[in-house]
Amino acid sequence: MPTTVLLADDHPVVRAGLRAWFADSPIQIIGEAEDGSQAYRLVEELRPQVLLSEVLLPQIDGLQCLGRLRDAGLETPCLFYTGHTNPTYAARASALGAAGFVAKSADRDELAAALQTVAAGGVCWPSELVRRLSGPIANGSPSGVASPLTAREDEVLKQLAFGLSNKEIAQALGISYETVKEHVQHILRKLNVADRTQAAVWAVRQGLA
């Protein structure tokens, strides 16, 4: 039986390349979307076994699309296939219930194996990401628990969870780079997490990002 896949990527050359890769294979691409809104509609319509999505998409991104699918009760597994390696994207994907994260540097056999694993109910996360996501915050805190952070730290954490660098956070919030660094250090200490990735998981599970 083929593994049916909906492909969401805003680059036509990527979609064409994946079609060529999986022609005459057990991987069957049954639909293509060029933005997150279209991906959501096609998952509803086509009910693929796997949504294979880029993280950054026009209109709504792949992470927002996944969140909307889950809010609508659609449990189609989502495997992110991306060239964007910022670990906070992986953290948000994990917190939202994604089934895996595969870099676009992966070869055809790796991607096919990941798709089949996910279609069968498994998950596919690189071991390094598993390590980074498995710290003391891995299981998250119950939704609605009061944040131990100040209002400004909450703002910084939200930007961090969306993948912004310290410099970008400083520009977005109109504060200095050194102030952002200090806030990030306070955030990691207060949340008792090892790094920005684990902090991003906490932020998503608290509804901040």
Protein backbone atom coordinates (compact mmCIF):
# COMPACT_ATOMS: atom_id res chain seq x y z
CA MET A 1 0.00 0.00 0.00
CA PRO A 2 1.35 3.46 -0.85
CA THR A 3 2.01 6.09 1.77
CA THR A 4 -0.10 9.10 0.83
CA VAL A 5 1.49 12.50 1.36
CA LEU A 6 0.37 16.10 1.06
CA LEU A 7 3.34 18.32 0.25
CA ALA A 8 3.44 21.94 1.46
CA ASP A 9 6.33 24.06 0.20
CA ASP A 10 6.38 27.51 -1.36
CA HIS A 11 9.22 26.67 -3.78
CA PRO A 12 8.03 24.99 -7.01
CA VAL A 13 11.48 23.50 -7.61
CA VAL A 14 11.31 21.67 -4.25
CA ARG A 15 7.86 20.28 -5.02
CA ALA A 16 8.97 19.20 -8.50
CA GLY A 17 12.10 17.59 -7.09
CA LEU A 18 10.14 15.58 -4.53
CA ARG A 19 7.66 14.44 -7.16
CA ALA A 20 10.59 13.21 -9.27
CA TRP A 21 12.22 11.55 -6.27
CA PHE A 22 9.12 9.58 -5.38
CA ALA A 23 7.78 8.74 -8.83
CA ASP A 24 7.12 4.99 -9.06
CA SER A 25 7.80 4.53 -5.35
CA PRO A 26 5.65 3.60 -2.33
CA ILE A 27 5.47 7.34 -1.50
CA GLN A 28 2.47 8.87 -3.27
CA ILE A 29 2.17 12.67 -3.31
CA ILE A 30 -1.59 13.21 -3.60
CA GLY A 31 -1.62 16.99 -3.34
CA GLU A 32 0.56 20.09 -3.17
CA ALA A 33 0.18 23.38 -1.32
CA GLU A 34 2.24 26.53 -1.70
CA ASP A 35 1.12 28.19 1.54
CA GLY A 36 -0.17 27.22 4.97
CA SER A 37 -3.79 28.14 4.32
CA GLN A 38 -3.93 25.93 1.24
CA ALA A 39 -2.22 23.11 3.15
CA TYR A 40 -4.91 23.28 5.83
CA ARG A 41 -7.71 23.11 3.26
CA LEU A 42 -6.12 20.21 1.38
CA VAL A 43 -5.54 18.17 4.54
CA GLU A 44 -9.26 18.57 5.26
CA GLU A 45 -10.19 17.58 1.71
CA LEU A 46 -7.69 14.83 0.87
CA ARG A 47 -6.95 13.30 4.30
CA PRO A 48 -3.37 12.24 3.51
CA GLN A 49 -1.52 9.85 5.79
CA VAL A 50 1.22 12.48 6.28
CA LEU A 51 1.54 16.23 5.84
CA LEU A 52 5.10 16.97 4.69
CA SER A 53 5.61 20.68 5.28
CA GLU A 54 8.20 23.40 5.22
CA VAL A 55 8.26 25.42 8.45
CA LEU A 56 8.19 28.87 6.85
CA LEU A 57 5.30 29.29 4.41
CA PRO A 58 3.36 32.33 3.13
CA GLN A 59 0.06 33.46 4.72
CA ILE A 60 0.26 31.13 7.71
CA ASP A 61 3.42 29.17 8.38
CA GLY A 62 3.69 25.43 8.79
CA LEU A 63 3.61 25.65 12.57
CA GLN A 64 0.45 27.76 12.58
CA CYS A 65 -1.10 25.34 10.08
CA LEU A 66 -0.35 22.43 12.41
CA GLY A 67 -1.89 24.31 15.34
CA ARG A 68 -5.06 24.97 13.35
CA LEU A 69 -5.30 21.34 12.27
CA ARG A 70 -5.10 20.20 15.88
CA ASP A 71 -7.63 22.82 16.99
CA ALA A 72 -10.00 21.46 14.33
CA GLY A 73 -9.54 17.88 15.56
CA LEU A 74 -7.56 16.80 12.48
CA GLU A 75 -4.85 14.40 13.63
CA THR A 76 -2.96 14.00 10.34
CA PRO A 77 0.70 13.48 11.33
CA CYS A 78 2.94 16.37 10.30
CA LEU A 79 6.57 15.85 9.32
CA PHE A 80 8.50 19.08 8.86
CA TYR A 81 10.98 19.03 5.96
CA THR A 82 12.94 22.24 6.18
CA GLY A 83 16.08 24.15 5.40
CA HIS A 84 15.56 26.34 8.47
CA THR A 85 17.65 24.86 11.25
CA ASN A 86 16.85 27.30 14.07
CA PRO A 87 16.24 24.92 17.00
CA THR A 88 13.36 27.00 18.31
CA TYR A 89 11.35 25.98 15.26
CA ALA A 90 11.89 22.35 16.24
CA ALA A 91 10.91 23.19 19.81
CA ARG A 92 7.64 24.76 18.68
CA ALA A 93 6.99 21.85 16.33
CA SER A 94 7.53 19.36 19.15
CA ALA A 95 5.29 21.28 21.55
CA LEU A 96 2.54 21.41 18.91
CA GLY A 97 2.65 17.64 18.43
CA ALA A 98 4.58 17.32 15.17
CA ALA A 99 5.72 13.81 14.29
CA GLY A 100 9.20 14.78 13.24
CA PHE A 101 11.70 17.16 11.75
CA VAL A 102 13.88 16.32 8.72
CA ALA A 103 16.51 18.63 7.23
CA LYS A 104 16.44 19.27 3.50
CA SER A 105 19.99 17.93 3.38
CA ALA A 106 18.53 14.42 3.93
CA ASP A 107 18.68 12.05 0.98
CA ARG A 108 15.72 10.35 -0.66
CA ASP A 109 15.99 7.13 1.31
CA GLU A 110 16.14 8.99 4.64
CA LEU A 111 13.08 11.07 3.77
CA ALA A 112 11.13 8.06 2.48
CA ALA A 113 11.92 6.12 5.66
CA ALA A 114 10.82 9.07 7.79
CA LEU A 115 7.53 9.39 5.89
CA GLN A 116 6.78 5.69 6.25
CA THR A 117 7.65 5.75 9.96
CA VAL A 118 5.34 8.70 10.57
CA ALA A 119 2.54 7.19 8.49
CA ALA A 120 2.75 4.06 10.66
CA GLY A 121 2.28 6.12 13.81
CA GLY A 122 5.92 6.64 14.72
CA VAL A 123 8.03 9.74 15.13
CA CYS A 124 11.22 10.87 13.46
CA TRP A 125 13.36 13.35 15.37
CA PRO A 126 17.15 13.74 14.97
CA SER A 127 18.93 12.47 18.06
CA GLU A 128 20.50 15.86 18.78
CA LEU A 129 17.07 17.51 18.81
CA VAL A 130 15.72 14.78 21.07
CA ARG A 131 18.53 15.47 23.51
CA ARG A 132 17.89 19.21 23.46
CA LEU A 133 14.14 18.78 23.89
CA SER A 134 14.38 16.22 26.69
CA GLY A 135 15.52 18.37 29.58
CA PRO A 136 13.55 19.19 32.72
CA ILE A 137 10.90 21.07 30.76
CA ALA A 138 10.30 18.31 28.21
CA ASN A 139 6.90 17.35 29.53
CA GLY A 140 5.85 20.96 29.88
CA SER A 141 3.95 22.65 32.67
CA PRO A 142 0.17 22.44 32.94
CA SER A 143 -1.56 25.09 30.86
CA GLY A 144 -2.70 28.03 32.93
CA VAL A 145 0.09 27.87 35.52
CA ALA A 146 1.19 31.40 36.37
CA SER A 147 4.37 32.44 34.63
CA PRO A 148 7.38 32.98 36.93
CA LEU A 149 8.56 35.68 34.52
CA THR A 150 8.08 39.41 34.50
CA ALA A 151 5.97 41.01 31.77
CA ARG A 152 9.11 42.09 29.88
CA GLU A 153 10.64 38.62 30.18
CA ASP A 154 7.42 37.16 28.79
CA GLU A 155 7.76 39.50 25.80
CA VAL A 156 11.38 38.47 25.24
CA LEU A 157 10.52 34.78 25.57
CA LYS A 158 7.71 35.10 23.02
CA GLN A 159 10.09 36.61 20.47
CA LEU A 160 12.71 33.96 21.28
CA ALA A 161 10.15 31.21 20.70
CA PHE A 162 9.39 32.61 17.26
CA GLY A 163 13.04 32.10 16.34
CA LEU A 164 14.39 35.65 16.67
CA SER A 165 18.02 36.23 17.61
CA ASN A 166 18.96 38.48 20.52
CA LYS A 167 19.73 41.28 18.06
CA GLU A 168 16.35 40.89 16.36
CA ILE A 169 14.55 40.81 19.72
CA ALA A 170 16.31 44.03 20.72
CA GLN A 171 15.15 45.70 17.52
CA ALA A 172 11.59 44.38 17.84
CA LEU A 173 11.18 45.52 21.45
CA GLY A 174 13.21 48.72 21.22
CA ILE A 175 15.69 47.73 23.91
CA SER A 176 19.43 47.18 23.90
CA TYR A 177 21.16 43.97 22.89
CA GLU A 178 22.77 43.71 26.35
CA THR A 179 19.37 44.06 28.02
CA VAL A 180 18.01 41.21 25.89
CA LYS A 181 20.98 39.01 26.85
CA GLU A 182 20.29 39.72 30.51
CA HIS A 183 16.59 38.91 30.12
CA VAL A 184 17.39 35.63 28.33
CA GLN A 185 19.73 34.60 31.16
CA HIS A 186 16.99 35.36 33.71
CA ILE A 187 14.45 33.40 31.67
CA LEU A 188 16.63 30.28 31.48
CA ARG A 189 17.35 30.42 35.19
CA LYS A 190 13.72 31.01 36.25
CA LEU A 191 12.40 28.23 34.00
CA ASN A 192 15.23 25.89 35.03
CA VAL A 193 16.02 25.00 31.43
CA ALA A 194 19.33 24.41 29.70
CA ASP A 195 18.92 26.52 26.58
CA ARG A 196 16.69 28.59 24.29
CA THR A 197 15.20 25.47 22.71
CA GLN A 198 13.77 24.20 25.99
CA ALA A 199 12.58 27.71 26.84
CA ALA A 200 10.72 27.79 23.51
CA VAL A 201 8.96 24.52 24.36
CA TRP A 202 7.77 26.04 27.63
CA ALA A 203 6.56 29.17 25.83
CA VAL A 204 4.50 27.19 23.33
CA ARG A 205 2.92 25.03 26.01
CA GLN A 206 1.97 28.16 27.94
CA GLY A 207 0.35 29.69 24.86
CA LEU A 208 2.94 32.46 24.50
CA ALA A 209 4.00 31.48 21.00
